Amino acid sequence: MKKKKLELIADPGLFLEYAQADASSRLDRENAVLHGVKILGFVSLNGRRYTVEALERACALYENAKVNVNHPRHSPQAPRDYQDRIGNIRNVRFQKNEGLYADFHFNPRHPLAEQLMWDAEHAPENVGFSHNIAAKTATQKDGSLLVEEILLVRSVDLVADPATTHGLFESQGAAADVRMETLKEKEKMAGESEDASCVTSSVSVSDSLPLKNGASSRTETAVSARTDSFETEPLSENAAAAPAGSRKGHSKTELLVSSTDEKEVLEALQTEFGELQEEIGTLQEEILTLRRQFQEMLRFSRKISVPVCRAPQVPFRENELSVAEFVTRLKSDARVH
């Protein structure tokens, strides 16, 4: 049966793809494995196309990729909390005319494991995979992007609530375009000539989960931010290095970050600003306390007629007073006078 595709515009510039596939996944509750999950196809939401060679070579990059619950909130490079880890991707294979399939091994004792299994059996549209990858792209004559090579698989994360009002599987984070101007200077200094992009795409678990009518669904999301060079953290052991000097006439570099709601970023900045204000207030209180202590010390020193260093040594020595006791006596004498 051929795949049927339907493209809808959910927001200006954001395209959703609905696809029906023949393959179906199998849930193994006993071993906590979701077999035959489709993790990447040939066409993304916004028309980005992947070559056969790119997908074939990417199998090794996806193998044992860690799966977390949701993307990092503010940055694709942010460290993940341990409790977010739910499993990993294994047995990645390329299927002709279909894309990449794999087995999703998850922790059966994870707090969301039972919910995941219920969704897999009854409501596969409620959950989906969201990818964060770095890839070499080239612009075609029609303006579309062709992914020639996947360089790095940063993560294959489980999106807990991918459904939209259209019933399609899209992460609810809003699209954000961010131009990285500072990378231009770095490219000139380093002589960078690579075409690369960081891509975030979503593929619904239901891409290969059977629906009531025997069909299954998938979508992908991608949010782009253009820049003139590609920079990220060093590639992992199983990440392929991009060949130098590969820029072509129609090639360009893009940095596509995971979908992060601008409102969430603003709230995070406001929270951080509030914390800084609290720290400043605490420091001001400490400064006032030190100032009061210093002023008190000055007032006390004026009340002592004879400096401590020149005070009579007889009472100090005969009574075997410590320095602290001697100072206390001086204070009491000052109060009396």
C-alpha atoms as a PDB file:
ATOM      1  CA  MET A   1       0.000   0.000   0.000  1.00  0.00           C
ATOM      2  CA  LYS A   2       1.439   3.380  -0.963  1.00  0.00           C
ATOM      3  CA  LYS A   3       1.892   6.130   1.559  1.00  0.00           C
ATOM      4  CA  LYS A   4      -0.714   8.873   1.462  1.00  0.00           C
ATOM      5  CA  LYS A   5       0.435  12.350   2.459  1.00  0.00           C
ATOM      6  CA  LEU A   6      -1.618  15.373   3.469  1.00  0.00           C
ATOM      7  CA  GLU A   7       0.032  18.710   4.240  1.00  0.00           C
ATOM      8  CA  LEU A   8      -1.763  21.360   6.314  1.00  0.00           C
ATOM      9  CA  ILE A   9      -0.683  24.814   7.406  1.00  0.00           C
ATOM     10  CA  ALA A  10      -1.041  25.091  11.188  1.00  0.00           C
ATOM     11  CA  ASP A  11       0.783  28.409  11.503  1.00  0.00           C
ATOM     12  CA  PRO A  12       2.341  30.727   8.883  1.00  0.00           C
ATOM     13  CA  GLY A  13       5.532  29.077   7.668  1.00  0.00           C
ATOM     14  CA  LEU A  14       4.964  25.860   9.605  1.00  0.00           C
ATOM     15  CA  PHE A  15       3.855  22.784   7.668  1.00  0.00           C
ATOM     16  CA  LEU A  16       2.590  19.545   9.176  1.00  0.00           C
ATOM     17  CA  GLU A  17       2.849  16.248   7.339  1.00  0.00           C
ATOM     18  CA  TYR A  18       0.457  13.352   7.919  1.00  0.00           C
ATOM     19  CA  ALA A  19       1.583  10.017   6.520  1.00  0.00           C
ATOM     20  CA  GLN A  20       0.108   6.540   6.568  1.00  0.00           C
ATOM     21  CA  ALA A  21       2.637   3.732   6.584  1.00  0.00           C
ATOM     22  CA  ASP A  22       2.376  -0.006   6.104  1.00  0.00           C
ATOM     23  CA  ALA A  23       4.722  -0.955   8.924  1.00  0.00           C
ATOM     24  CA  SER A  24       3.363  -1.533  12.414  1.00  0.00           C
ATOM     25  CA  SER A  25       5.224  -1.678  15.685  1.00  0.00           C
ATOM     26  CA  ARG A  26       4.813  -4.338  18.339  1.00  0.00           C
ATOM     27  CA  LEU A  27       4.707  -3.607  22.063  1.00  0.00           C
ATOM     28  CA  ASP A  28       6.504  -6.194  24.176  1.00  0.00           C
ATOM     29  CA  ARG A  29       5.297  -5.437  27.691  1.00  0.00           C
ATOM     30  CA  GLU A  30       7.284  -8.255  29.289  1.00  0.00           C
ATOM     31  CA  ASN A  31      10.629  -6.957  28.000  1.00  0.00           C
ATOM     32  CA  ALA A  32       9.642  -3.255  27.831  1.00  0.00           C
ATOM     33  CA  VAL A  33      10.390  -2.910  24.134  1.00  0.00           C
ATOM     34  CA  LEU A  34       8.505  -1.117  21.390  1.00  0.00           C
ATOM     35  CA  HIS A  35       9.561  -2.899  18.197  1.00  0.00           C
ATOM     36  CA  GLY A  36       9.546  -1.452  14.712  1.00  0.00           C
ATOM     37  CA  VAL A  37       9.234   2.235  15.571  1.00  0.00           C
ATOM     38  CA  LYS A  38       9.857   4.571  12.654  1.00  0.00           C
ATOM     39  CA  ILE A  39      12.317   7.242  13.725  1.00  0.00           C
ATOM     40  CA  LEU A  40      13.041   9.100  10.473  1.00  0.00           C
ATOM     41  CA  GLY A  41      11.521   9.336   7.005  1.00  0.00           C
ATOM     42  CA  PHE A  42      12.592  10.933   3.722  1.00  0.00           C
ATOM     43  CA  VAL A  43      10.604  14.201   3.965  1.00  0.00           C
ATOM     44  CA  SER A  44      10.200  16.480   6.991  1.00  0.00           C
ATOM     45  CA  LEU A  45       7.329  18.810   7.824  1.00  0.00           C
ATOM     46  CA  ASN A  46       8.630  21.832   5.979  1.00  0.00           C
ATOM     47  CA  GLY A  47       9.745  19.956   2.887  1.00  0.00           C
ATOM     48  CA  ARG A  48      13.312  19.179   3.926  1.00  0.00           C
ATOM     49  CA  ARG A  49      14.303  16.020   2.072  1.00  0.00           C
ATOM     50  CA  TYR A  50      16.810  13.354   3.110  1.00  0.00           C
ATOM     51  CA  THR A  51      18.864  11.392   0.615  1.00  0.00           C
ATOM     52  CA  VAL A  52      18.922   7.609   0.716  1.00  0.00           C
ATOM     53  CA  GLU A  53      22.655   7.690   1.379  1.00  0.00           C
ATOM     54  CA  ALA A  54      22.195  10.078   4.317  1.00  0.00           C
ATOM     55  CA  LEU A  55      19.715   7.760   6.013  1.00  0.00           C
ATOM     56  CA  GLU A  56      21.737   4.632   5.304  1.00  0.00           C
ATOM     57  CA  ARG A  57      24.885   6.138   6.838  1.00  0.00           C
ATOM     58  CA  ALA A  58      22.938   7.522   9.802  1.00  0.00           C
ATOM     59  CA  CYS A  59      22.034   4.101  11.195  1.00  0.00           C
ATOM     60  CA  ALA A  60      25.217   3.937  13.258  1.00  0.00           C
ATOM     61  CA  LEU A  61      24.594   7.437  14.654  1.00  0.00           C
ATOM     62  CA  TYR A  62      21.111   6.555  15.886  1.00  0.00           C
ATOM     63  CA  GLU A  63      22.197   3.237  17.409  1.00  0.00           C
ATOM     64  CA  ASN A  64      21.974   3.398  21.223  1.00  0.00           C
ATOM     65  CA  ALA A  65      20.823   7.021  21.087  1.00  0.00           C
ATOM     66  CA  LYS A  66      19.482   8.023  24.495  1.00  0.00           C
ATOM     67  CA  VAL A  67      15.805   8.883  24.826  1.00  0.00           C
ATOM     68  CA  ASN A  68      14.686  11.518  27.341  1.00  0.00           C
ATOM     69  CA  VAL A  69      11.262  12.793  28.261  1.00  0.00           C
ATOM     70  CA  ASN A  70      10.842  16.088  26.377  1.00  0.00           C
ATOM     71  CA  HIS A  71      13.591  18.337  25.029  1.00  0.00           C
ATOM     72  CA  PRO A  72      15.718  20.599  27.232  1.00  0.00           C
ATOM     73  CA  ARG A  73      13.582  23.650  28.045  1.00  0.00           C
ATOM     74  CA  HIS A  74      15.945  26.402  26.923  1.00  0.00           C
ATOM     75  CA  SER A  75      18.810  24.951  24.882  1.00  0.00           C
ATOM     76  CA  PRO A  76      19.425  21.787  22.848  1.00  0.00           C
ATOM     77  CA  GLN A  77      22.879  21.584  24.433  1.00  0.00           C
ATOM     78  CA  ALA A  78      21.663  21.881  28.024  1.00  0.00           C
ATOM     79  CA  PRO A  79      22.482  18.916  30.312  1.00  0.00           C
ATOM     80  CA  ARG A  80      19.609  16.586  31.072  1.00  0.00           C
ATOM     81  CA  ASP A  81      18.323  15.540  34.477  1.00  0.00           C
ATOM     82  CA  TYR A  82      18.740  11.865  35.296  1.00  0.00           C
ATOM     83  CA  GLN A  83      15.021  11.415  35.974  1.00  0.00           C
ATOM     84  CA  ASP A  84      14.282  12.501  32.387  1.00  0.00           C
ATOM     85  CA  ARG A  85      16.030   9.429  30.948  1.00  0.00           C
ATOM     86  CA  ILE A  86      13.517   6.774  29.915  1.00  0.00           C
ATOM     87  CA  GLY A  87      15.415   4.489  27.518  1.00  0.00           C
ATOM     88  CA  ASN A  88      17.351   4.245  24.272  1.00  0.00           C
ATOM     89  CA  ILE A  89      17.091   3.331  20.587  1.00  0.00           C
ATOM     90  CA  ARG A  90      18.522   0.000  19.378  1.00  0.00           C
ATOM     91  CA  ASN A  91      18.604  -2.188  16.301  1.00  0.00           C
ATOM     92  CA  VAL A  92      18.371   0.741  13.888  1.00  0.00           C
ATOM     93  CA  ARG A  93      17.831  -0.367  10.296  1.00  0.00           C
ATOM     94  CA  PHE A  94      17.115   1.232   6.962  1.00  0.00           C
ATOM     95  CA  GLN A  95      14.070   0.061   5.033  1.00  0.00           C
ATOM     96  CA  LYS A  96      13.915   0.828   1.332  1.00  0.00           C
ATOM     97  CA  ASN A  97      11.349   3.468   0.358  1.00  0.00           C
ATOM     98  CA  GLU A  98      10.411   3.911   4.037  1.00  0.00           C
ATOM     99  CA  GLY A  99      13.249   5.309   6.172  1.00  0.00           C
ATOM    100  CA  LEU A 100      14.844   4.403   9.489  1.00  0.00           C
ATOM    101  CA  TYR A 101      13.190   1.989  11.901  1.00  0.00           C
ATOM    102  CA  ALA A 102      14.355   0.876  15.331  1.00  0.00           C
ATOM    103  CA  ASP A 103      13.366  -0.759  18.609  1.00  0.00           C
ATOM    104  CA  PHE A 104      12.671   1.533  21.552  1.00  0.00           C
ATOM    105  CA  HIS A 105      13.861  -0.033  24.828  1.00  0.00           C
ATOM    106  CA  PHE A 106      12.393   1.779  27.826  1.00  0.00           C
ATOM    107  CA  ASN A 107      12.610   1.486  31.606  1.00  0.00           C
ATOM    108  CA  PRO A 108       9.432  -0.318  32.751  1.00  0.00           C
ATOM    109  CA  ARG A 109       9.757   1.326  36.180  1.00  0.00           C
ATOM    110  CA  HIS A 110       9.946   4.855  34.845  1.00  0.00           C
ATOM    111  CA  PRO A 111       6.994   6.954  36.100  1.00  0.00           C
ATOM    112  CA  LEU A 112       5.758   7.392  32.516  1.00  0.00           C
ATOM    113  CA  ALA A 113       6.295   3.796  31.352  1.00  0.00           C
ATOM    114  CA  GLU A 114       2.726   2.628  31.986  1.00  0.00           C
ATOM    115  CA  GLN A 115       1.319   5.734  30.331  1.00  0.00           C
ATOM    116  CA  LEU A 116       3.585   5.159  27.328  1.00  0.00           C
ATOM    117  CA  MET A 117       2.419   1.560  26.939  1.00  0.00           C
ATOM    118  CA  TRP A 118      -1.244   2.567  27.208  1.00  0.00           C
ATOM    119  CA  ASP A 119      -0.769   5.253  24.559  1.00  0.00           C
ATOM    120  CA  ALA A 120       1.081   2.823  22.308  1.00  0.00           C
ATOM    121  CA  GLU A 121      -1.856   0.428  22.424  1.00  0.00           C
ATOM    122  CA  HIS A 122      -4.818   2.807  22.508  1.00  0.00           C
ATOM    123  CA  ALA A 123      -3.808   6.369  21.551  1.00  0.00           C
ATOM    124  CA  PRO A 124      -0.508   6.468  19.645  1.00  0.00           C
ATOM    125  CA  GLU A 125      -1.220  10.030  18.563  1.00  0.00           C
ATOM    126  CA  ASN A 126      -0.600  11.195  22.135  1.00  0.00           C
ATOM    127  CA  VAL A 127       3.133  10.593  22.032  1.00  0.00           C
ATOM    128  CA  GLY A 128       5.967  11.076  19.565  1.00  0.00           C
ATOM    129  CA  PHE A 129       9.720  11.170  19.077  1.00  0.00           C
ATOM    130  CA  SER A 130      11.524  14.478  18.585  1.00  0.00           C
ATOM    131  CA  HIS A 131      15.003  14.506  17.091  1.00  0.00           C
ATOM    132  CA  ASN A 132      17.883  16.935  17.532  1.00  0.00           C
ATOM    133  CA  ILE A 133      20.543  16.341  14.886  1.00  0.00           C
ATOM    134  CA  ALA A 134      23.317  18.125  13.034  1.00  0.00           C
ATOM    135  CA  ALA A 135      23.297  17.662   9.267  1.00  0.00           C
ATOM    136  CA  LYS A 136      24.982  18.875   6.092  1.00  0.00           C
ATOM    137  CA  THR A 137      22.424  20.475   3.762  1.00  0.00           C
ATOM    138  CA  ALA A 138      22.331  21.916   0.254  1.00  0.00           C
ATOM    139  CA  THR A 139      19.792  24.321  -1.248  1.00  0.00           C
ATOM    140  CA  GLN A 140      18.081  23.059  -4.380  1.00  0.00           C
ATOM    141  CA  LYS A 141      16.946  25.128  -7.376  1.00  0.00           C
ATOM    142  CA  ASP A 142      13.363  25.104  -6.118  1.00  0.00           C
ATOM    143  CA  GLY A 143      14.493  26.561  -2.774  1.00  0.00           C
ATOM    144  CA  SER A 144      14.069  23.367  -0.765  1.00  0.00           C
ATOM    145  CA  LEU A 145      16.783  21.913   1.446  1.00  0.00           C
ATOM    146  CA  LEU A 146      18.354  18.550   0.731  1.00  0.00           C
ATOM    147  CA  VAL A 147      19.994  16.805   3.687  1.00  0.00           C
ATOM    148  CA  GLU A 148      23.098  15.201   2.229  1.00  0.00           C
ATOM    149  CA  GLU A 149      24.622  13.826   5.422  1.00  0.00           C
ATOM    150  CA  ILE A 150      23.679  13.507   9.096  1.00  0.00           C
ATOM    151  CA  LEU A 151      26.698  14.483  11.167  1.00  0.00           C
ATOM    152  CA  LEU A 152      25.508  14.130  14.745  1.00  0.00           C
ATOM    153  CA  VAL A 153      22.518  12.700  16.583  1.00  0.00           C
ATOM    154  CA  ARG A 154      22.243  14.787  19.733  1.00  0.00           C
ATOM    155  CA  SER A 155      19.128  13.084  21.080  1.00  0.00           C
ATOM    156  CA  VAL A 156      15.952  11.202  20.167  1.00  0.00           C
ATOM    157  CA  ASP A 157      13.549  12.415  22.828  1.00  0.00           C
ATOM    158  CA  LEU A 158      10.029  11.436  23.755  1.00  0.00           C
ATOM    159  CA  VAL A 159       7.573  14.310  23.422  1.00  0.00           C
ATOM    160  CA  ALA A 160       4.955  13.817  26.109  1.00  0.00           C
ATOM    161  CA  ASP A 161       2.186  15.909  24.531  1.00  0.00           C
ATOM    162  CA  PRO A 162       2.655  16.233  20.758  1.00  0.00           C
ATOM    163  CA  ALA A 163      -1.004  16.491  19.725  1.00  0.00           C
ATOM    164  CA  THR A 164      -2.400  19.720  18.246  1.00  0.00           C
ATOM    165  CA  THR A 165      -5.952  20.855  17.630  1.00  0.00           C
ATOM    166  CA  HIS A 166      -5.672  19.250  14.197  1.00  0.00           C
ATOM    167  CA  GLY A 167      -4.962  15.870  15.730  1.00  0.00           C
ATOM    168  CA  LEU A 168      -1.509  15.819  14.154  1.00  0.00           C
ATOM    169  CA  PHE A 169       1.681  15.127  16.039  1.00  0.00           C
ATOM    170  CA  GLU A 170       3.569  18.333  16.521  1.00  0.00           C
ATOM    171  CA  SER A 171       5.515  19.525  19.525  1.00  0.00           C
ATOM    172  CA  GLN A 172       3.648  22.471  21.029  1.00  0.00           C
ATOM    173  CA  GLY A 173       6.745  24.661  21.290  1.00  0.00           C
ATOM    174  CA  ALA A 174       6.413  27.738  19.057  1.00  0.00           C
ATOM    175  CA  ALA A 175       8.735  28.305  16.096  1.00  0.00           C
ATOM    176  CA  ALA A 176      11.683  30.590  16.856  1.00  0.00           C
ATOM    177  CA  ASP A 177      14.050  32.122  14.289  1.00  0.00           C
ATOM    178  CA  VAL A 178      17.327  33.211  15.857  1.00  0.00           C
ATOM    179  CA  ARG A 179      20.185  34.667  13.762  1.00  0.00           C
ATOM    180  CA  MET A 180      23.644  33.877  15.135  1.00  0.00           C
ATOM    181  CA  GLU A 181      25.610  36.907  13.906  1.00  0.00           C
ATOM    182  CA  THR A 182      28.654  36.257  16.091  1.00  0.00           C
ATOM    183  CA  LEU A 183      29.415  33.041  14.240  1.00  0.00           C
ATOM    184  CA  LYS A 184      30.263  35.005  11.076  1.00  0.00           C
ATOM    185  CA  GLU A 185      33.502  36.284  12.556  1.00  0.00           C
ATOM    186  CA  LYS A 186      34.424  32.822  13.787  1.00  0.00           C
ATOM    187  CA  GLU A 187      33.910  31.414  10.309  1.00  0.00           C
ATOM    188  CA  LYS A 188      36.213  34.046   8.793  1.00  0.00           C
ATOM    189  CA  MET A 189      38.900  33.470  11.409  1.00  0.00           C
ATOM    190  CA  ALA A 190      38.788  29.690  11.195  1.00  0.00           C
ATOM    191  CA  GLY A 191      38.249  29.562   7.445  1.00  0.00           C
ATOM    192  CA  GLU A 192      35.203  27.424   7.842  1.00  0.00           C
ATOM    193  CA  SER A 193      33.752  26.196   4.585  1.00  0.00           C
ATOM    194  CA  GLU A 194      31.397  23.481   5.754  1.00  0.00           C
ATOM    195  CA  ASP A 195      27.679  23.306   5.037  1.00  0.00           C
ATOM    196  CA  ALA A 196      25.882  22.074   8.143  1.00  0.00           C
ATOM    197  CA  SER A 197      22.729  22.487  10.132  1.00  0.00           C
ATOM    198  CA  CYS A 198      21.320  21.532  13.514  1.00  0.00           C
ATOM    199  CA  VAL A 199      17.910  20.022  12.827  1.00  0.00           C
ATOM    200  CA  THR A 200      15.084  19.306  15.238  1.00  0.00           C
ATOM    201  CA  SER A 201      12.386  17.032  13.870  1.00  0.00           C
ATOM    202  CA  SER A 202       9.552  15.074  15.430  1.00  0.00           C
ATOM    203  CA  VAL A 203       8.311  11.669  14.371  1.00  0.00           C
ATOM    204  CA  SER A 204       5.237  10.336  16.126  1.00  0.00           C
ATOM    205  CA  VAL A 205       5.405   6.928  17.723  1.00  0.00           C
ATOM    206  CA  SER A 206       2.132   6.365  15.933  1.00  0.00           C
ATOM    207  CA  ASP A 207       4.152   6.556  12.718  1.00  0.00           C
ATOM    208  CA  SER A 208       4.331   2.800  13.066  1.00  0.00           C
ATOM    209  CA  LEU A 209       1.736   2.070  15.736  1.00  0.00           C
ATOM    210  CA  PRO A 210      -1.477   0.453  14.442  1.00  0.00           C
ATOM    211  CA  LEU A 211      -4.621   2.580  14.586  1.00  0.00           C
ATOM    212  CA  LYS A 212      -8.152   1.240  14.725  1.00  0.00           C
ATOM    213  CA  ASN A 213      -8.383   1.062  10.940  1.00  0.00           C
ATOM    214  CA  GLY A 214      -5.059  -0.715  10.644  1.00  0.00           C
ATOM    215  CA  ALA A 215      -3.262   2.382   9.453  1.00  0.00           C
ATOM    216  CA  SER A 216      -0.631   4.394  11.281  1.00  0.00           C
ATOM    217  CA  SER A 217       0.538   7.977  11.324  1.00  0.00           C
ATOM    218  CA  ARG A 218       3.661  10.101  11.549  1.00  0.00           C
ATOM    219  CA  THR A 219       4.767  13.704  11.408  1.00  0.00           C
ATOM    220  CA  GLU A 220       7.923  15.677  11.846  1.00  0.00           C
ATOM    221  CA  THR A 221       8.555  19.188  13.116  1.00  0.00           C
ATOM    222  CA  ALA A 222      11.514  21.424  12.442  1.00  0.00           C
ATOM    223  CA  VAL A 223      12.258  24.922  13.671  1.00  0.00           C
ATOM    224  CA  SER A 224      15.009  26.853  11.906  1.00  0.00           C
ATOM    225  CA  ALA A 225      17.332  29.716  12.730  1.00  0.00           C
ATOM    226  CA  ARG A 226      19.735  30.770   9.959  1.00  0.00           C
ATOM    227  CA  THR A 227      23.416  31.464  10.523  1.00  0.00           C
ATOM    228  CA  ASP A 228      26.557  31.600   8.388  1.00  0.00           C
ATOM    229  CA  SER A 229      28.561  28.890  10.104  1.00  0.00           C
ATOM    230  CA  PHE A 230      28.000  25.703  12.007  1.00  0.00           C
ATOM    231  CA  GLU A 231      29.327  25.439  15.530  1.00  0.00           C
ATOM    232  CA  THR A 232      28.380  23.007  18.254  1.00  0.00           C
ATOM    233  CA  GLU A 233      30.092  20.956  20.917  1.00  0.00           C
ATOM    234  CA  PRO A 234      32.644  18.354  19.719  1.00  0.00           C
ATOM    235  CA  LEU A 235      31.088  15.451  17.877  1.00  0.00           C
ATOM    236  CA  SER A 236      30.513  12.280  19.859  1.00  0.00           C
ATOM    237  CA  GLU A 237      32.386   9.075  19.118  1.00  0.00           C
ATOM    238  CA  ASN A 238      29.750   7.867  16.680  1.00  0.00           C
ATOM    239  CA  ALA A 239      29.334  11.240  14.938  1.00  0.00           C
ATOM    240  CA  ALA A 240      30.705  11.641  11.427  1.00  0.00           C
ATOM    241  CA  ALA A 241      32.966  14.628  10.668  1.00  0.00           C
ATOM    242  CA  ALA A 242      31.947  16.981   7.863  1.00  0.00           C
ATOM    243  CA  PRO A 243      34.429  17.137   4.961  1.00  0.00           C
ATOM    244  CA  ALA A 244      36.193  20.475   4.543  1.00  0.00           C
ATOM    245  CA  GLY A 245      35.856  22.576   1.417  1.00  0.00           C
ATOM    246  CA  SER A 246      32.449  21.181   0.533  1.00  0.00           C
ATOM    247  CA  ARG A 247      30.556  24.481  -0.017  1.00  0.00           C
ATOM    248  CA  LYS A 248      28.776  24.626  -3.359  1.00  0.00           C
ATOM    249  CA  GLY A 249      27.049  27.389  -5.271  1.00  0.00           C
ATOM    250  CA  HIS A 250      23.586  26.599  -3.976  1.00  0.00           C
ATOM    251  CA  SER A 251      24.707  25.357  -0.544  1.00  0.00           C
ATOM    252  CA  LYS A 252      24.002  27.255   2.672  1.00  0.00           C
ATOM    253  CA  THR A 253      24.359  26.658   6.391  1.00  0.00           C
ATOM    254  CA  GLU A 254      21.498  26.707   8.840  1.00  0.00           C
ATOM    255  CA  LEU A 255      21.265  26.257  12.578  1.00  0.00           C
ATOM    256  CA  LEU A 256      17.959  24.701  13.542  1.00  0.00           C
ATOM    257  CA  VAL A 257      17.332  24.574  17.270  1.00  0.00           C
ATOM    258  CA  SER A 258      14.786  22.555  19.177  1.00  0.00           C
ATOM    259  CA  SER A 259      11.386  24.230  19.329  1.00  0.00           C
ATOM    260  CA  THR A 260      11.373  26.483  22.399  1.00  0.00           C
ATOM    261  CA  ASP A 261       8.453  28.683  23.229  1.00  0.00           C
ATOM    262  CA  GLU A 262       9.518  32.329  23.310  1.00  0.00           C
ATOM    263  CA  LYS A 263       7.232  32.802  26.299  1.00  0.00           C
ATOM    264  CA  GLU A 264       9.100  30.088  28.221  1.00  0.00           C
ATOM    265  CA  VAL A 265      12.444  31.753  27.446  1.00  0.00           C
ATOM    266  CA  LEU A 266      11.096  35.112  28.635  1.00  0.00           C
ATOM    267  CA  GLU A 267       9.785  33.546  31.844  1.00  0.00           C
ATOM    268  CA  ALA A 268      13.161  31.897  32.470  1.00  0.00           C
ATOM    269  CA  LEU A 269      14.972  35.214  31.997  1.00  0.00           C
ATOM    270  CA  GLN A 270      12.539  36.950  34.332  1.00  0.00           C
ATOM    271  CA  THR A 271      13.072  34.245  36.956  1.00  0.00           C
ATOM    272  CA  GLU A 272      16.846  34.560  36.680  1.00  0.00           C
ATOM    273  CA  PHE A 273      16.596  38.358  36.927  1.00  0.00           C
ATOM    274  CA  GLY A 274      14.476  38.009  40.061  1.00  0.00           C
ATOM    275  CA  GLU A 275      17.053  35.690  41.625  1.00  0.00           C
ATOM    276  CA  LEU A 276      19.818  38.203  40.870  1.00  0.00           C
ATOM    277  CA  GLN A 277      17.769  40.961  42.502  1.00  0.00           C
ATOM    278  CA  GLU A 278      17.369  38.817  45.625  1.00  0.00           C
ATOM    279  CA  GLU A 279      21.134  38.214  45.750  1.00  0.00           C
ATOM    280  CA  ILE A 280      21.781  41.949  45.395  1.00  0.00           C
ATOM    281  CA  GLY A 281      19.351  42.656  48.238  1.00  0.00           C
ATOM    282  CA  THR A 282      21.113  40.121  50.463  1.00  0.00           C
ATOM    283  CA  LEU A 283      24.512  41.691  49.727  1.00  0.00           C
ATOM    284  CA  GLN A 284      23.161  45.152  50.514  1.00  0.00           C
ATOM    285  CA  GLU A 285      21.892  43.931  53.892  1.00  0.00           C
ATOM    286  CA  GLU A 286      25.293  42.414  54.674  1.00  0.00           C
ATOM    287  CA  ILE A 287      27.008  45.692  53.764  1.00  0.00           C
ATOM    288  CA  LEU A 288      24.681  47.632  56.072  1.00  0.00           C
ATOM    289  CA  THR A 289      25.390  45.184  58.904  1.00  0.00           C
ATOM    290  CA  LEU A 290      29.160  45.576  58.464  1.00  0.00           C
ATOM    291  CA  ARG A 291      28.777  49.351  58.354  1.00  0.00           C
ATOM    292  CA  ARG A 292      26.833  49.348  61.654  1.00  0.00           C
ATOM    293  CA  GLN A 293      29.444  47.124  63.283  1.00  0.00           C
ATOM    294  CA  PHE A 294      32.251  49.404  62.114  1.00  0.00           C
ATOM    295  CA  GLN A 295      30.467  52.509  63.419  1.00  0.00           C
ATOM    296  CA  GLU A 296      29.887  50.820  66.780  1.00  0.00           C
ATOM    297  CA  MET A 297      33.568  49.951  66.982  1.00  0.00           C
ATOM    298  CA  LEU A 298      34.503  53.574  66.311  1.00  0.00           C
ATOM    299  CA  ARG A 299      32.152  54.831  69.029  1.00  0.00           C
ATOM    300  CA  PHE A 300      33.574  52.345  71.521  1.00  0.00           C
ATOM    301  CA  SER A 301      37.176  53.265  70.686  1.00  0.00           C
ATOM    302  CA  ARG A 302      36.437  56.931  71.437  1.00  0.00           C
ATOM    303  CA  LYS A 303      35.112  56.019  74.919  1.00  0.00           C
ATOM    304  CA  ILE A 304      38.365  54.318  75.881  1.00  0.00           C
ATOM    305  CA  SER A 305      40.689  57.036  77.177  1.00  0.00           C
ATOM    306  CA  VAL A 306      43.805  54.882  76.993  1.00  0.00           C
ATOM    307  CA  PRO A 307      44.538  52.688  73.937  1.00  0.00           C
ATOM    308  CA  VAL A 308      44.588  48.989  74.653  1.00  0.00           C
ATOM    309  CA  CYS A 309      48.215  48.650  73.632  1.00  0.00           C
ATOM    310  CA  ARG A 310      49.211  51.236  76.294  1.00  0.00           C
ATOM    311  CA  ALA A 311      46.834  50.095  79.053  1.00  0.00           C
ATOM    312  CA  PRO A 312      48.285  49.202  82.460  1.00  0.00           C
ATOM    313  CA  GLN A 313      49.566  45.670  82.321  1.00  0.00           C
ATOM    314  CA  VAL A 314      49.222  44.917  86.041  1.00  0.00           C
ATOM    315  CA  PRO A 315      45.483  43.973  86.184  1.00  0.00           C
ATOM    316  CA  PHE A 316      45.837  42.097  82.954  1.00  0.00           C
ATOM    317  CA  ARG A 317      48.753  40.006  84.207  1.00  0.00           C
ATOM    318  CA  GLU A 318      47.823  39.611  87.869  1.00  0.00           C
ATOM    319  CA  ASN A 319      44.294  38.436  87.186  1.00  0.00           C
ATOM    320  CA  GLU A 320      45.456  36.239  84.276  1.00  0.00           C
ATOM    321  CA  LEU A 321      42.829  37.699  81.992  1.00  0.00           C
ATOM    322  CA  SER A 322      42.620  36.677  78.387  1.00  0.00           C
ATOM    323  CA  VAL A 323      42.569  39.328  75.678  1.00  0.00           C
ATOM    324  CA  ALA A 324      38.812  38.847  75.225  1.00  0.00           C
ATOM    325  CA  GLU A 325      38.193  39.189  78.980  1.00  0.00           C
ATOM    326  CA  PHE A 326      40.367  42.281  79.130  1.00  0.00           C
ATOM    327  CA  VAL A 327      38.444  43.935  76.290  1.00  0.00           C
ATOM    328  CA  THR A 328      35.161  43.056  78.018  1.00  0.00           C
ATOM    329  CA  ARG A 329      36.396  44.774  81.187  1.00  0.00           C
ATOM    330  CA  LEU A 330      37.322  47.852  79.198  1.00  0.00           C
ATOM    331  CA  LYS A 331      33.814  47.936  77.722  1.00  0.00           C
ATOM    332  CA  SER A 332      32.206  47.726  81.151  1.00  0.00           C
ATOM    333  CA  ASP A 333      34.472  50.482  82.488  1.00  0.00           C
ATOM    334  CA  ALA A 334      33.535  52.667  79.528  1.00  0.00           C
ATOM    335  CA  ARG A 335      29.837  52.207  80.243  1.00  0.00           C
ATOM    336  CA  VAL A 336      30.355  53.161  83.895  1.00  0.00           C
ATOM    337  CA  HIS A 337      32.162  56.351  82.992  1.00  0.00           C
END
